[in-house]
PDB file of N, CA and C in Angstrom:
ATOM      1  N   MET A   1       2.252   5.868  11.550  1.00  0.00           N
ATOM      2  CA  MET A   1       1.674   5.117  10.810  1.00  0.00           C
ATOM      3  C   MET A   1       2.334   3.988  10.567  1.00  0.00           C
ATOM      4  N   THR A   2       2.269   2.983  10.818  1.00  0.00           N
ATOM      5  CA  THR A   2       2.139   1.393   9.999  1.00  0.00           C
ATOM      6  C   THR A   2       1.502   0.685   9.350  1.00  0.00           C
ATOM      7  N   ASN A   3       1.873   0.187   8.343  1.00  0.00           N
ATOM      8  CA  ASN A   3       1.232  -0.718   7.873  1.00  0.00           C
ATOM      9  C   ASN A   3       1.918  -1.992   7.232  1.00  0.00           C
ATOM     10  N   LYS A   4       1.152  -3.009   6.507  1.00  0.00           N
ATOM     11  CA  LYS A   4       1.194  -4.192   6.404  1.00  0.00           C
ATOM     12  C   LYS A   4       1.035  -4.375   4.733  1.00  0.00           C
ATOM     13  N   ILE A   5       1.367  -3.237   3.943  1.00  0.00           N
ATOM     14  CA  ILE A   5       1.543  -3.739   2.764  1.00  0.00           C
ATOM     15  C   ILE A   5       2.322  -4.630   2.263  1.00  0.00           C
ATOM     16  N   LYS A   6       3.523  -4.493   2.622  1.00  0.00           N
ATOM     17  CA  LYS A   6       4.563  -5.230   2.024  1.00  0.00           C
ATOM     18  C   LYS A   6       4.298  -7.311   2.797  1.00  0.00           C
ATOM     19  N   ILE A   7       3.618  -7.152   3.516  1.00  0.00           N
ATOM     20  CA  ILE A   7       3.581  -8.576   4.234  1.00  0.00           C
ATOM     21  C   ILE A   7       2.055  -8.923   2.759  1.00  0.00           C
ATOM     22  N   LEU A   8       0.766  -8.110   2.745  1.00  0.00           N
ATOM     23  CA  LEU A   8       0.337  -8.048   1.269  1.00  0.00           C
ATOM     24  C   LEU A   8       0.562  -8.515   0.138  1.00  0.00           C
ATOM     25  N   ARG A   9       1.347  -7.499   0.004  1.00  0.00           N
ATOM     26  CA  ARG A   9       2.010  -7.652  -1.342  1.00  0.00           C
ATOM     27  C   ARG A   9       2.554  -9.417  -1.547  1.00  0.00           C
ATOM     28  N   ALA A  10       3.618  -9.501  -0.496  1.00  0.00           N
ATOM     29  CA  ALA A  10       4.161 -10.897  -0.653  1.00  0.00           C
ATOM     30  C   ALA A  10       2.897 -12.226  -0.512  1.00  0.00           C
ATOM     31  N   GLU A  11       1.857 -11.949  -0.026  1.00  0.00           N
ATOM     32  CA  GLU A  11       0.781 -12.914   0.312  1.00  0.00           C
ATOM     33  C   GLU A  11       0.212 -12.955  -1.464  1.00  0.00           C
ATOM     34  N   LYS A  12      -0.340 -11.807  -2.299  1.00  0.00           N
ATOM     35  CA  LYS A  12      -0.282 -11.710  -3.440  1.00  0.00           C
ATOM     36  C   LYS A  12       0.456 -12.001  -4.577  1.00  0.00           C
ATOM     37  N   GLY A  13       1.834 -12.106  -4.023  1.00  0.00           N
ATOM     38  CA  GLY A  13       3.230 -12.494  -4.937  1.00  0.00           C
ATOM     39  C   GLY A  13       3.086 -11.325  -6.319  1.00  0.00           C
ATOM     40  N   ILE A  14       2.877  -9.786  -5.821  1.00  0.00           N
ATOM     41  CA  ILE A  14       3.198  -9.203  -6.829  1.00  0.00           C
ATOM     42  C   ILE A  14       4.455  -7.825  -5.854  1.00  0.00           C
ATOM     43  N   THR A  15       5.132  -7.332  -7.049  1.00  0.00           N
ATOM     44  CA  THR A  15       6.168  -6.351  -6.632  1.00  0.00           C
ATOM     45  C   THR A  15       5.146  -5.372  -5.959  1.00  0.00           C
ATOM     46  N   GLN A  16       6.410  -4.519  -5.545  1.00  0.00           N
ATOM     47  CA  GLN A  16       6.019  -2.946  -5.446  1.00  0.00           C
ATOM     48  C   GLN A  16       5.730  -1.918  -6.890  1.00  0.00           C
ATOM     49  N   GLU A  17       6.487  -2.399  -7.480  1.00  0.00           N
ATOM     50  CA  GLU A  17       6.150  -1.483  -9.028  1.00  0.00           C
ATOM     51  C   GLU A  17       4.746  -2.268  -9.896  1.00  0.00           C
ATOM     52  N   GLU A  18       4.521  -3.451  -9.613  1.00  0.00           N
ATOM     53  CA  GLU A  18       3.257  -3.542  -9.810  1.00  0.00           C
ATOM     54  C   GLU A  18       2.153  -3.785  -9.001  1.00  0.00           C
ATOM     55  N   LEU A  19       2.311  -3.071  -7.499  1.00  0.00           N
ATOM     56  CA  LEU A  19       1.263  -2.422  -6.932  1.00  0.00           C
ATOM     57  C   LEU A  19       1.266  -0.548  -7.516  1.00  0.00           C
ATOM     58  N   ALA A  20       2.397  -0.610  -7.209  1.00  0.00           N
ATOM     59  CA  ALA A  20       1.844   1.351  -7.814  1.00  0.00           C
ATOM     60  C   ALA A  20       1.878   1.563  -9.148  1.00  0.00           C
ATOM     61  N   ASP A  21       1.760   0.250 -10.219  1.00  0.00           N
ATOM     62  CA  ASP A  21       0.946   0.474 -11.678  1.00  0.00           C
ATOM     63  C   ASP A  21      -0.252   0.337 -11.249  1.00  0.00           C
ATOM     64  N   ILE A  22      -1.101  -0.530 -10.217  1.00  0.00           N
ATOM     65  CA  ILE A  22      -2.524  -0.920 -10.207  1.00  0.00           C
ATOM     66  C   ILE A  22      -3.266   0.432  -9.642  1.00  0.00           C
ATOM     67  N   VAL A  23      -1.805   1.159  -8.514  1.00  0.00           N
ATOM     68  CA  VAL A  23      -2.626   1.978  -7.372  1.00  0.00           C
ATOM     69  C   VAL A  23      -2.423   3.857  -8.083  1.00  0.00           C
ATOM     70  N   GLU A  24      -1.872   3.424  -9.241  1.00  0.00           N
ATOM     71  CA  GLU A  24      -1.316   4.398 -10.247  1.00  0.00           C
ATOM     72  C   GLU A  24      -0.616   5.450  -9.547  1.00  0.00           C
ATOM     73  N   VAL A  25       0.730   5.525  -8.858  1.00  0.00           N
ATOM     74  CA  VAL A  25       1.718   6.216  -8.424  1.00  0.00           C
ATOM     75  C   VAL A  25       2.866   5.533  -8.506  1.00  0.00           C
ATOM     76  N   THR A  26       3.938   5.650  -7.941  1.00  0.00           N
ATOM     77  CA  THR A  26       5.354   5.409  -8.603  1.00  0.00           C
ATOM     78  C   THR A  26       5.753   4.480  -7.304  1.00  0.00           C
ATOM     79  N   ARG A  27       6.912   3.996  -8.097  1.00  0.00           N
ATOM     80  CA  ARG A  27       7.377   2.526  -7.221  1.00  0.00           C
ATOM     81  C   ARG A  27       7.764   3.339  -6.003  1.00  0.00           C
ATOM     82  N   GLN A  28       8.656   4.189  -5.663  1.00  0.00           N
ATOM     83  CA  GLN A  28       8.963   5.240  -5.152  1.00  0.00           C
ATOM     84  C   GLN A  28       8.152   5.296  -3.948  1.00  0.00           C
ATOM     85  N   THR A  29       7.132   5.932  -4.454  1.00  0.00           N
ATOM     86  CA  THR A  29       6.058   5.955  -3.528  1.00  0.00           C
ATOM     87  C   THR A  29       5.749   4.817  -2.624  1.00  0.00           C
ATOM     88  N   ILE A  30       5.105   3.554  -3.128  1.00  0.00           N
ATOM     89  CA  ILE A  30       4.703   2.741  -2.728  1.00  0.00           C
ATOM     90  C   ILE A  30       6.253   2.189  -1.491  1.00  0.00           C
ATOM     91  N   ILE A  31       7.391   2.501  -1.951  1.00  0.00           N
ATOM     92  CA  ILE A  31       8.631   2.089  -1.017  1.00  0.00           C
ATOM     93  C   ILE A  31       8.740   3.283   0.214  1.00  0.00           C
ATOM     94  N   ALA A  32       8.279   4.411  -0.062  1.00  0.00           N
ATOM     95  CA  ALA A  32       8.371   5.198   1.335  1.00  0.00           C
ATOM     96  C   ALA A  32       7.041   5.177   2.264  1.00  0.00           C
ATOM     97  N   ILE A  33       6.062   4.451   1.770  1.00  0.00           N
ATOM     98  CA  ILE A  33       4.505   3.788   2.168  1.00  0.00           C
ATOM     99  C   ILE A  33       4.846   3.001   3.179  1.00  0.00           C
ATOM    100  N   GLU A  34       5.770   1.883   2.676  1.00  0.00           N
ATOM    101  CA  GLU A  34       5.920   0.475   3.061  1.00  0.00           C
ATOM    102  C   GLU A  34       6.640   0.645   4.334  1.00  0.00           C
ATOM    103  N   LYS A  35       8.309   2.251   4.191  1.00  0.00           N
ATOM    104  CA  LYS A  35       9.491   2.687   5.161  1.00  0.00           C
ATOM    105  C   LYS A  35       8.387   3.690   6.153  1.00  0.00           C
ATOM    106  N   SER A  36       6.872   3.675   5.806  1.00  0.00           N
ATOM    107  CA  SER A  36       6.278   4.623   6.934  1.00  0.00           C
ATOM    108  C   SER A  36       7.220   5.765   6.451  1.00  0.00           C
ATOM    109  N   LYS A  37       7.730   6.385   5.781  1.00  0.00           N
ATOM    110  CA  LYS A  37       8.478   7.675   5.219  1.00  0.00           C
ATOM    111  C   LYS A  37       7.539   8.618   4.812  1.00  0.00           C
ATOM    112  N   TYR A  38       6.392   8.076   4.168  1.00  0.00           N
ATOM    113  CA  TYR A  38       5.014   8.886   4.085  1.00  0.00           C
ATOM    114  C   TYR A  38       4.007   8.431   4.292  1.00  0.00           C
ATOM    115  N   VAL A  39       2.848   9.397   4.570  1.00  0.00           N
ATOM    116  CA  VAL A  39       1.975   9.055   4.849  1.00  0.00           C
ATOM    117  C   VAL A  39       0.779   9.085   3.425  1.00  0.00           C
ATOM    118  N   PRO A  40       0.212   7.964   2.881  1.00  0.00           N
ATOM    119  CA  PRO A  40      -0.401   8.461   1.912  1.00  0.00           C
ATOM    120  C   PRO A  40      -1.996   9.145   1.861  1.00  0.00           C
ATOM    121  N   SER A  41      -2.431   9.698   1.354  1.00  0.00           N
ATOM    122  CA  SER A  41      -3.578  10.588   1.120  1.00  0.00           C
ATOM    123  C   SER A  41      -4.725   9.219   1.883  1.00  0.00           C
ATOM    124  N   LEU A  42      -5.913  10.057   1.949  1.00  0.00           N
ATOM    125  CA  LEU A  42      -6.943   8.900   2.347  1.00  0.00           C
ATOM    126  C   LEU A  42      -7.338   8.203   1.329  1.00  0.00           C
ATOM    127  N   GLU A  43      -7.228   9.270  -0.150  1.00  0.00           N
ATOM    128  CA  GLU A  43      -7.688   8.453  -1.402  1.00  0.00           C
ATOM    129  C   GLU A  43      -6.724   7.447  -1.592  1.00  0.00           C
ATOM    130  N   LEU A  44      -5.414   7.353  -1.523  1.00  0.00           N
ATOM    131  CA  LEU A  44      -4.706   6.472  -2.239  1.00  0.00           C
ATOM    132  C   LEU A  44      -4.994   4.904  -0.970  1.00  0.00           C
ATOM    133  N   ALA A  45      -4.889   5.829   0.764  1.00  0.00           N
ATOM    134  CA  ALA A  45      -4.961   4.565   0.942  1.00  0.00           C
ATOM    135  C   ALA A  45      -6.106   3.684   1.029  1.00  0.00           C
ATOM    136  N   PHE A  46      -7.711   4.211   0.573  1.00  0.00           N
ATOM    137  CA  PHE A  46      -8.205   3.114   0.153  1.00  0.00           C
ATOM    138  C   PHE A  46      -7.831   2.587  -1.061  1.00  0.00           C
ATOM    139  N   ARG A  47      -7.487   3.432  -1.861  1.00  0.00           N
ATOM    140  CA  ARG A  47      -7.416   2.143  -3.337  1.00  0.00           C
ATOM    141  C   ARG A  47      -6.448   1.286  -2.827  1.00  0.00           C
ATOM    142  N   ILE A  48      -5.532   1.486  -2.191  1.00  0.00           N
ATOM    143  CA  ILE A  48      -4.579   0.009  -1.759  1.00  0.00           C
ATOM    144  C   ILE A  48      -5.331  -0.771  -1.364  1.00  0.00           C
ATOM    145  N   ALA A  49      -6.281  -0.173   0.066  1.00  0.00           N
ATOM    146  CA  ALA A  49      -6.957  -1.186   0.983  1.00  0.00           C
ATOM    147  C   ALA A  49      -8.037  -1.802  -0.137  1.00  0.00           C
ATOM    148  N   ARG A  50      -8.419  -1.521  -0.776  1.00  0.00           N
ATOM    149  CA  ARG A  50      -9.628  -2.234  -2.051  1.00  0.00           C
ATOM    150  C   ARG A  50      -9.122  -3.125  -2.846  1.00  0.00           C
ATOM    151  N   TYR A  51      -7.728  -3.069  -3.058  1.00  0.00           N
ATOM    152  CA  TYR A  51      -6.689  -3.786  -4.284  1.00  0.00           C
ATOM    153  C   TYR A  51      -6.634  -5.125  -3.344  1.00  0.00           C
ATOM    154  N   PHE A  52      -6.236  -5.205  -2.015  1.00  0.00           N
ATOM    155  CA  PHE A  52      -5.917  -5.974  -1.338  1.00  0.00           C
ATOM    156  C   PHE A  52      -7.601  -6.599  -0.500  1.00  0.00           C
ATOM    157  N   ASN A  53      -8.723  -6.148  -0.819  1.00  0.00           N
ATOM    158  CA  ASN A  53      -9.842  -6.665  -0.460  1.00  0.00           C
ATOM    159  C   ASN A  53      -9.898  -6.663   1.297  1.00  0.00           C
ATOM    160  N   LYS A  54      -9.624  -5.422   1.609  1.00  0.00           N
ATOM    161  CA  LYS A  54      -9.087  -5.284   3.082  1.00  0.00           C
ATOM    162  C   LYS A  54      -9.789  -3.954   3.407  1.00  0.00           C
ATOM    163  N   ASN A  55     -10.194  -4.028   4.565  1.00  0.00           N
ATOM    164  CA  ASN A  55     -10.459  -2.683   4.948  1.00  0.00           C
ATOM    165  C   ASN A  55      -9.519  -1.792   5.810  1.00  0.00           C
ATOM    166  N   ILE A  56      -9.574  -0.534   5.200  1.00  0.00           N
ATOM    167  CA  ILE A  56      -8.377   0.606   5.360  1.00  0.00           C
ATOM    168  C   ILE A  56      -7.626   0.260   7.006  1.00  0.00           C
ATOM    169  N   GLU A  57      -8.753  -0.235   7.859  1.00  0.00           N
ATOM    170  CA  GLU A  57      -7.725  -0.259   9.264  1.00  0.00           C
ATOM    171  C   GLU A  57      -6.971  -1.532   9.412  1.00  0.00           C
ATOM    172  N   GLU A  58      -7.252  -2.663   8.506  1.00  0.00           N
ATOM    173  CA  GLU A  58      -6.876  -3.832   8.187  1.00  0.00           C
ATOM    174  C   GLU A  58      -5.320  -3.374   7.760  1.00  0.00           C
ATOM    175  N   VAL A  59      -5.151  -2.352   6.915  1.00  0.00           N
ATOM    176  CA  VAL A  59      -3.810  -2.040   6.109  1.00  0.00           C
ATOM    177  C   VAL A  59      -3.059  -1.390   6.916  1.00  0.00           C
ATOM    178  N   PHE A  60      -3.694  -0.324   7.206  1.00  0.00           N
ATOM    179  CA  PHE A  60      -2.992   0.708   7.872  1.00  0.00           C
ATOM    180  C   PHE A  60      -3.503   0.951   9.423  1.00  0.00           C
ATOM    181  N   GLU A  61      -2.359   0.772  10.385  1.00  0.00           N
ATOM    182  CA  GLU A  61      -2.371   1.321  11.603  1.00  0.00           C
ATOM    183  C   GLU A  61      -2.163   2.457  12.401  1.00  0.00           C
ATOM    184  N   TYR A  62      -2.908   3.554  13.106  1.00  0.00           N
ATOM    185  CA  TYR A  62      -2.173   4.365  13.529  1.00  0.00           C
ATOM    186  C   TYR A  62      -1.745   4.511  14.869  1.00  0.00           C
TER     187      TYR A  62
END
């Protein structure tokens, strides 16, 4: 599964740490998701998509 989190973060001008705080996970979790080393739970994927005001399909590609 690939994702556009890094691109979306850059557009918003936020760090991995800031996103992690917002969606209530660790920075390491955000790093792992961005590198496609970790697949987030459905709940976490929705929290991330909601923060960026996107559909889940716009953030994560299967």
